[in-house]
Amino acid sequence: MIRSYIVPVLLISWAMVIFFFSSQTYEEQSITPFLTKFNTPYWYDKLNGFSFIYGGVEVSAQTAGVNGFLEFFLRKGAHLFIFFVFGLLTYRVWCRFVKNPVLSFSGALLCVLFYASADELHQKLTGGRTPLWQDVVLDTFGGLLGIFCFLFFYRWRRLHRI
């Protein structure tokens, strides 16, 4: 009986981790000081020509420095990872309590989208943070990857049982 509540408790704990990170200012989360060793002519040369627009702002080594450019990818990778786990756990909870796979998939994906949106709204209330709809898309995509990973692993495990 207690085992059936392990995944829901993990999901709630993970949601609290996301909330905690969203409560921190950009300065509290910044890792650019650790990346300053990459601010060298070598890395500027290697990253020259790589630029794109994200959230209406150009992202490049020339505009953010090499350390800022690298931090951008690490932060967005963290978005993907954190919501990958959130999506996986959310889908697992839905599967545990709702036996319809289509409803479980849809419900889990909607929960991920809702929490990603709520997370960005929470960031709006946090000093030094900028809520972006692009991050909602990135977070939802990470959650979707987590759901698909769970589905793939579950199917693979069922097919390889002997």
C-alpha atoms as a PDB file:
ATOM      1  CA  MET A   1       0.000   0.000   0.000  1.00  0.00           C
ATOM      2  CA  ILE A   2       2.772   2.449   0.885  1.00  0.00           C
ATOM      3  CA  ARG A   3       4.600   1.646  -2.384  1.00  0.00           C
ATOM      4  CA  SER A   4       1.699   3.087  -4.366  1.00  0.00           C
ATOM      5  CA  TYR A   5       2.430   6.522  -2.923  1.00  0.00           C
ATOM      6  CA  ILE A   6       6.178   6.629  -3.565  1.00  0.00           C
ATOM      7  CA  VAL A   7       5.913   8.098  -7.080  1.00  0.00           C
ATOM      8  CA  PRO A   8       3.303  10.734  -6.106  1.00  0.00           C
ATOM      9  CA  VAL A   9       5.551  11.815  -3.212  1.00  0.00           C
ATOM     10  CA  LEU A  10       8.512  11.971  -5.611  1.00  0.00           C
ATOM     11  CA  LEU A  11       6.427  14.087  -8.011  1.00  0.00           C
ATOM     12  CA  ILE A  12       5.423  16.532  -5.285  1.00  0.00           C
ATOM     13  CA  SER A  13       9.030  16.720  -4.097  1.00  0.00           C
ATOM     14  CA  TRP A  14      10.243  17.374  -7.642  1.00  0.00           C
ATOM     15  CA  ALA A  15       7.615  20.107  -8.093  1.00  0.00           C
ATOM     16  CA  MET A  16       8.946  21.685  -4.894  1.00  0.00           C
ATOM     17  CA  VAL A  17      12.492  21.572  -6.316  1.00  0.00           C
ATOM     18  CA  ILE A  18      11.276  23.388  -9.438  1.00  0.00           C
ATOM     19  CA  PHE A  19       9.486  25.963  -7.270  1.00  0.00           C
ATOM     20  CA  PHE A  20      12.645  26.463  -5.203  1.00  0.00           C
ATOM     21  CA  PHE A  21      14.770  27.119  -8.299  1.00  0.00           C
ATOM     22  CA  SER A  22      12.148  29.516  -9.669  1.00  0.00           C
ATOM     23  CA  SER A  23      12.256  31.429  -6.388  1.00  0.00           C
ATOM     24  CA  GLN A  24      15.925  32.242  -6.854  1.00  0.00           C
ATOM     25  CA  THR A  25      17.033  35.390  -8.610  1.00  0.00           C
ATOM     26  CA  TYR A  26      19.185  35.188 -11.713  1.00  0.00           C
ATOM     27  CA  GLU A  27      22.200  36.306  -9.659  1.00  0.00           C
ATOM     28  CA  GLU A  28      21.672  33.470  -7.152  1.00  0.00           C
ATOM     29  CA  GLN A  29      21.633  30.937  -9.983  1.00  0.00           C
ATOM     30  CA  SER A  30      24.305  32.458 -12.192  1.00  0.00           C
ATOM     31  CA  ILE A  31      27.217  30.204 -13.041  1.00  0.00           C
ATOM     32  CA  THR A  32      28.986  32.695 -15.306  1.00  0.00           C
ATOM     33  CA  PRO A  33      31.772  33.280 -12.744  1.00  0.00           C
ATOM     34  CA  PHE A  34      32.698  29.597 -13.061  1.00  0.00           C
ATOM     35  CA  LEU A  35      32.717  29.854 -16.847  1.00  0.00           C
ATOM     36  CA  THR A  36      35.004  32.898 -17.126  1.00  0.00           C
ATOM     37  CA  LYS A  37      37.968  30.652 -17.958  1.00  0.00           C
ATOM     38  CA  PHE A  38      36.335  30.188 -21.385  1.00  0.00           C
ATOM     39  CA  ASN A  39      36.434  33.951 -22.100  1.00  0.00           C
ATOM     40  CA  THR A  40      39.530  33.590 -24.237  1.00  0.00           C
ATOM     41  CA  PRO A  41      40.267  34.559 -27.839  1.00  0.00           C
ATOM     42  CA  TYR A  42      40.340  30.838 -28.697  1.00  0.00           C
ATOM     43  CA  TRP A  43      36.695  30.304 -27.669  1.00  0.00           C
ATOM     44  CA  TYR A  44      35.515  33.604 -29.171  1.00  0.00           C
ATOM     45  CA  ASP A  45      37.051  32.469 -32.450  1.00  0.00           C
ATOM     46  CA  LYS A  46      35.462  28.995 -32.244  1.00  0.00           C
ATOM     47  CA  LEU A  47      32.003  30.398 -31.425  1.00  0.00           C
ATOM     48  CA  ASN A  48      32.160  33.276 -33.895  1.00  0.00           C
ATOM     49  CA  GLY A  49      29.192  33.139 -36.245  1.00  0.00           C
ATOM     50  CA  PHE A  50      26.916  31.185 -33.879  1.00  0.00           C
ATOM     51  CA  SER A  51      24.008  33.395 -32.961  1.00  0.00           C
ATOM     52  CA  PHE A  52      20.241  33.179 -32.766  1.00  0.00           C
ATOM     53  CA  ILE A  53      17.272  34.970 -31.272  1.00  0.00           C
ATOM     54  CA  TYR A  54      15.668  33.612 -28.097  1.00  0.00           C
ATOM     55  CA  GLY A  55      12.997  35.572 -26.293  1.00  0.00           C
ATOM     56  CA  GLY A  56      13.550  38.537 -28.588  1.00  0.00           C
ATOM     57  CA  VAL A  57      17.240  38.824 -27.658  1.00  0.00           C
ATOM     58  CA  GLU A  58      20.261  37.835 -29.696  1.00  0.00           C
ATOM     59  CA  VAL A  59      22.234  35.039 -28.069  1.00  0.00           C
ATOM     60  CA  SER A  60      25.881  34.849 -29.129  1.00  0.00           C
ATOM     61  CA  ALA A  61      29.377  34.897 -27.697  1.00  0.00           C
ATOM     62  CA  GLN A  62      29.745  38.440 -28.995  1.00  0.00           C
ATOM     63  CA  THR A  63      26.660  39.743 -27.140  1.00  0.00           C
ATOM     64  CA  ALA A  64      26.863  37.694 -23.919  1.00  0.00           C
ATOM     65  CA  GLY A  65      30.527  36.749 -23.760  1.00  0.00           C
ATOM     66  CA  VAL A  66      31.601  33.145 -24.057  1.00  0.00           C
ATOM     67  CA  ASN A  67      30.673  32.471 -20.433  1.00  0.00           C
ATOM     68  CA  GLY A  68      27.179  33.944 -20.923  1.00  0.00           C
ATOM     69  CA  PHE A  69      26.739  32.012 -24.164  1.00  0.00           C
ATOM     70  CA  LEU A  70      27.708  28.729 -22.492  1.00  0.00           C
ATOM     71  CA  GLU A  71      25.557  29.519 -19.455  1.00  0.00           C
ATOM     72  CA  PHE A  72      22.557  30.011 -21.748  1.00  0.00           C
ATOM     73  CA  PHE A  73      22.889  26.424 -23.010  1.00  0.00           C
ATOM     74  CA  LEU A  74      23.458  25.024 -19.530  1.00  0.00           C
ATOM     75  CA  ARG A  75      20.379  26.843 -18.196  1.00  0.00           C
ATOM     76  CA  LYS A  76      18.189  25.681 -21.081  1.00  0.00           C
ATOM     77  CA  GLY A  77      19.571  22.163 -20.682  1.00  0.00           C
ATOM     78  CA  ALA A  78      18.552  22.357 -17.025  1.00  0.00           C
ATOM     79  CA  HIS A  79      15.026  23.360 -18.129  1.00  0.00           C
ATOM     80  CA  LEU A  80      14.874  20.282 -20.347  1.00  0.00           C
ATOM     81  CA  PHE A  81      16.233  17.936 -17.677  1.00  0.00           C
ATOM     82  CA  ILE A  82      14.092  19.235 -14.820  1.00  0.00           C
ATOM     83  CA  PHE A  83      10.890  18.992 -16.841  1.00  0.00           C
ATOM     84  CA  PHE A  84      11.968  15.663 -18.375  1.00  0.00           C
ATOM     85  CA  VAL A  85      11.904  14.223 -14.856  1.00  0.00           C
ATOM     86  CA  PHE A  86       8.694  16.090 -14.037  1.00  0.00           C
ATOM     87  CA  GLY A  87       6.975  14.705 -17.157  1.00  0.00           C
ATOM     88  CA  LEU A  88       8.161  11.170 -16.462  1.00  0.00           C
ATOM     89  CA  LEU A  89       6.913  11.290 -12.854  1.00  0.00           C
ATOM     90  CA  THR A  90       3.638  12.959 -13.838  1.00  0.00           C
ATOM     91  CA  TYR A  91       2.895  10.314 -16.444  1.00  0.00           C
ATOM     92  CA  ARG A  92       3.758   7.559 -13.981  1.00  0.00           C
ATOM     93  CA  VAL A  93       1.292   8.994 -11.436  1.00  0.00           C
ATOM     94  CA  TRP A  94      -1.433   9.258 -14.067  1.00  0.00           C
ATOM     95  CA  CYS A  95      -0.823   5.658 -15.138  1.00  0.00           C
ATOM     96  CA  ARG A  96      -1.052   4.490 -11.547  1.00  0.00           C
ATOM     97  CA  PHE A  97      -4.442   6.068 -10.895  1.00  0.00           C
ATOM     98  CA  VAL A  98      -6.006   6.250 -14.386  1.00  0.00           C
ATOM     99  CA  LYS A  99      -6.037   3.031 -16.406  1.00  0.00           C
ATOM    100  CA  ASN A 100      -6.835   4.640 -19.766  1.00  0.00           C
ATOM    101  CA  PRO A 101      -3.468   5.197 -21.562  1.00  0.00           C
ATOM    102  CA  VAL A 102      -4.750   8.010 -23.799  1.00  0.00           C
ATOM    103  CA  LEU A 103      -6.231   9.846 -20.826  1.00  0.00           C
ATOM    104  CA  SER A 104      -3.025   9.274 -18.831  1.00  0.00           C
ATOM    105  CA  PHE A 105      -0.895  10.673 -21.668  1.00  0.00           C
ATOM    106  CA  SER A 106      -3.166  13.680 -22.225  1.00  0.00           C
ATOM    107  CA  GLY A 107      -3.568  14.400 -18.526  1.00  0.00           C
ATOM    108  CA  ALA A 108       0.148  14.173 -17.849  1.00  0.00           C
ATOM    109  CA  LEU A 109       1.010  16.421 -20.784  1.00  0.00           C
ATOM    110  CA  LEU A 110      -1.571  18.999 -19.686  1.00  0.00           C
ATOM    111  CA  CYS A 111      -0.157  18.899 -16.147  1.00  0.00           C
ATOM    112  CA  VAL A 112       3.337  19.512 -17.515  1.00  0.00           C
ATOM    113  CA  LEU A 113       2.081  22.420 -19.633  1.00  0.00           C
ATOM    114  CA  PHE A 114       0.176  23.871 -16.686  1.00  0.00           C
ATOM    115  CA  TYR A 115       3.129  23.598 -14.314  1.00  0.00           C
ATOM    116  CA  ALA A 116       5.541  25.015 -16.907  1.00  0.00           C
ATOM    117  CA  SER A 117       3.193  27.995 -17.361  1.00  0.00           C
ATOM    118  CA  ALA A 118       2.771  28.435 -13.614  1.00  0.00           C
ATOM    119  CA  ASP A 119       6.549  28.254 -13.215  1.00  0.00           C
ATOM    120  CA  GLU A 120       7.058  31.112 -15.665  1.00  0.00           C
ATOM    121  CA  LEU A 121       4.359  33.181 -13.932  1.00  0.00           C
ATOM    122  CA  HIS A 122       6.126  32.519 -10.634  1.00  0.00           C
ATOM    123  CA  GLN A 123       9.362  33.751 -12.186  1.00  0.00           C
ATOM    124  CA  LYS A 124       7.578  36.974 -13.110  1.00  0.00           C
ATOM    125  CA  LEU A 125       7.110  37.590  -9.393  1.00  0.00           C
ATOM    126  CA  THR A 126      10.755  36.807  -8.637  1.00  0.00           C
ATOM    127  CA  GLY A 127      13.244  39.651  -8.871  1.00  0.00           C
ATOM    128  CA  GLY A 128      15.703  39.568 -11.724  1.00  0.00           C
ATOM    129  CA  ARG A 129      13.878  36.835 -13.629  1.00  0.00           C
ATOM    130  CA  THR A 130      12.218  37.098 -17.023  1.00  0.00           C
ATOM    131  CA  PRO A 131       9.248  34.853 -17.811  1.00  0.00           C
ATOM    132  CA  LEU A 132       9.337  33.659 -21.408  1.00  0.00           C
ATOM    133  CA  TRP A 133       6.755  31.723 -23.383  1.00  0.00           C
ATOM    134  CA  GLN A 134       9.716  30.076 -25.127  1.00  0.00           C
ATOM    135  CA  ASP A 135      10.676  28.525 -21.782  1.00  0.00           C
ATOM    136  CA  VAL A 136       7.136  27.159 -21.408  1.00  0.00           C
ATOM    137  CA  VAL A 137       7.573  25.473 -24.799  1.00  0.00           C
ATOM    138  CA  LEU A 138      11.027  24.178 -23.820  1.00  0.00           C
ATOM    139  CA  ASP A 139       9.754  22.889 -20.453  1.00  0.00           C
ATOM    140  CA  THR A 140       6.744  21.209 -22.057  1.00  0.00           C
ATOM    141  CA  PHE A 141       8.991  19.606 -24.657  1.00  0.00           C
ATOM    142  CA  GLY A 142      11.241  18.312 -21.861  1.00  0.00           C
ATOM    143  CA  GLY A 143       8.177  16.862 -20.121  1.00  0.00           C
ATOM    144  CA  LEU A 144       7.026  15.271 -23.360  1.00  0.00           C
ATOM    145  CA  LEU A 145      10.455  13.676 -23.778  1.00  0.00           C
ATOM    146  CA  GLY A 146      10.149  12.299 -20.243  1.00  0.00           C
ATOM    147  CA  ILE A 147       6.739  10.814 -21.029  1.00  0.00           C
ATOM    148  CA  PHE A 148       8.005   9.259 -24.261  1.00  0.00           C
ATOM    149  CA  CYS A 149      11.072   7.905 -22.493  1.00  0.00           C
ATOM    150  CA  PHE A 150       8.866   6.221 -19.907  1.00  0.00           C
ATOM    151  CA  LEU A 151       6.636   4.784 -22.648  1.00  0.00           C
ATOM    152  CA  PHE A 152       9.653   3.521 -24.598  1.00  0.00           C
ATOM    153  CA  PHE A 153      11.258   1.950 -21.524  1.00  0.00           C
ATOM    154  CA  TYR A 154       7.969   0.374 -20.404  1.00  0.00           C
ATOM    155  CA  ARG A 155       7.330  -1.110 -23.855  1.00  0.00           C
ATOM    156  CA  TRP A 156      10.934  -2.326 -24.179  1.00  0.00           C
ATOM    157  CA  ARG A 157      10.722  -3.974 -20.763  1.00  0.00           C
ATOM    158  CA  ARG A 158       7.461  -5.727 -21.649  1.00  0.00           C
ATOM    159  CA  LEU A 159       8.856  -7.006 -24.937  1.00  0.00           C
ATOM    160  CA  HIS A 160      12.029  -8.372 -23.352  1.00  0.00           C
ATOM    161  CA  ARG A 161      10.507 -10.247 -20.444  1.00  0.00           C
ATOM    162  CA  ILE A 162      11.242 -13.908 -20.620  1.00  0.00           C
END
